[in-house]
């Protein structure tokens, strides 16, 4: 089995939806009185948090991947154009 990147946004989204599903099942099994509008903010806020974490993860990874290439270009530029005194 090949390894894949850890995606924390998907983890958070899954946990939020799993929590909402468990709450709904507990409410249905116990004949509880959990109104639907209590789960809606939980799901919306959780998916919003998951989206935010996903975007931050994407930005961090893209910045981390482009940084070494920029260093190589700067290093190569220094050897091609030595200072005027040399």
Protein backbone atom coordinates (compact mmCIF):
# COMPACT_ATOMS: atom_id res chain seq x y z
CA UNK A 1 0.00 0.00 0.00
CA UNK A 2 1.46 3.34 -1.01
CA UNK A 3 1.71 6.14 1.49
CA UNK A 4 -0.12 9.40 1.03
CA UNK A 5 0.15 12.89 2.46
CA UNK A 6 -1.53 13.62 5.76
CA UNK A 7 -4.46 15.96 5.15
CA UNK A 8 -5.64 17.48 8.44
CA UNK A 9 -8.58 19.31 6.83
CA UNK A 10 -10.12 16.03 5.72
CA UNK A 11 -9.52 14.55 9.16
CA UNK A 12 -11.37 17.42 10.82
CA UNK A 13 -14.24 17.23 8.33
CA UNK A 14 -14.58 13.50 8.92
CA UNK A 15 -14.54 13.86 12.69
CA UNK A 16 -17.15 16.63 12.60
CA UNK A 17 -19.49 14.65 10.36
CA UNK A 18 -18.93 11.51 12.42
CA UNK A 19 -19.80 13.45 15.59
CA UNK A 20 -22.96 14.83 13.99
CA UNK A 21 -23.96 11.35 12.86
CA UNK A 22 -23.39 9.85 16.30
CA UNK A 23 -25.40 12.64 17.93
CA UNK A 24 -28.21 12.05 15.47
CA UNK A 25 -28.17 8.28 16.12
CA UNK A 26 -28.15 8.76 19.90
CA UNK A 27 -31.07 11.17 19.56
CA UNK A 28 -33.00 8.70 17.37
CA UNK A 29 -32.28 5.69 19.59
CA UNK A 30 -33.17 7.39 22.87
CA UNK A 31 -36.16 9.22 21.47
CA UNK A 32 -34.40 12.36 22.66
CA UNK A 33 -35.31 15.88 21.88
CA UNK A 34 -32.32 17.16 19.90
CA UNK A 35 -33.57 19.85 17.52
CA UNK A 36 -32.10 19.91 14.02
CA UNK A 37 -30.82 23.46 14.45
CA UNK A 38 -28.29 22.31 17.04
CA UNK A 39 -26.54 20.05 14.55
CA UNK A 40 -26.57 22.54 11.67
CA UNK A 41 -24.19 25.07 13.33
CA UNK A 42 -21.93 22.22 14.42
CA UNK A 43 -21.65 20.89 10.87
CA UNK A 44 -21.28 24.33 9.25
CA UNK A 45 -18.66 25.51 11.75
CA UNK A 46 -16.79 22.21 11.56
CA UNK A 47 -16.68 22.20 7.77
CA UNK A 48 -15.58 25.85 7.82
CA UNK A 49 -12.77 24.96 10.21
CA UNK A 50 -11.81 22.03 8.01
CA UNK A 51 -11.68 24.30 4.95
CA UNK A 52 -9.53 26.83 6.80
CA UNK A 53 -7.12 24.13 7.96
CA UNK A 54 -6.99 22.70 4.44
CA UNK A 55 -6.13 26.08 2.92
CA UNK A 56 -3.46 26.77 5.54
CA UNK A 57 -1.97 23.31 4.96
CA UNK A 58 -1.92 23.90 1.20
CA UNK A 59 -0.21 27.28 1.62
CA UNK A 60 2.40 25.91 4.00
CA UNK A 61 3.19 22.98 1.73
CA UNK A 62 3.39 25.08 -1.43
CA UNK A 63 5.65 27.60 0.31
CA UNK A 64 7.84 24.80 1.64
CA UNK A 65 8.16 23.22 -1.82
CA UNK A 66 9.07 26.44 -3.62
CA UNK A 67 11.58 27.66 -1.07
CA UNK A 68 14.45 25.21 -1.90
CA UNK A 69 14.15 26.01 -5.62
CA UNK A 70 14.50 29.71 -4.88
CA UNK A 71 17.63 29.03 -2.83
CA UNK A 72 19.18 27.06 -5.68
CA UNK A 73 18.50 29.90 -8.13
CA UNK A 74 20.05 32.44 -5.77
CA UNK A 75 23.10 30.24 -5.25
CA UNK A 76 23.50 29.69 -8.99
CA UNK A 77 23.16 33.40 -9.64
CA UNK A 78 25.98 34.22 -7.24
CA UNK A 79 28.48 31.97 -9.04
CA UNK A 80 27.60 33.25 -12.50
CA UNK A 81 27.87 36.93 -11.58
CA UNK A 82 30.75 37.45 -9.18
CA UNK A 83 31.14 40.86 -7.51
CA UNK A 84 32.94 43.49 -9.64
CA UNK A 85 36.07 43.49 -7.44
CA UNK A 86 36.96 39.87 -8.25
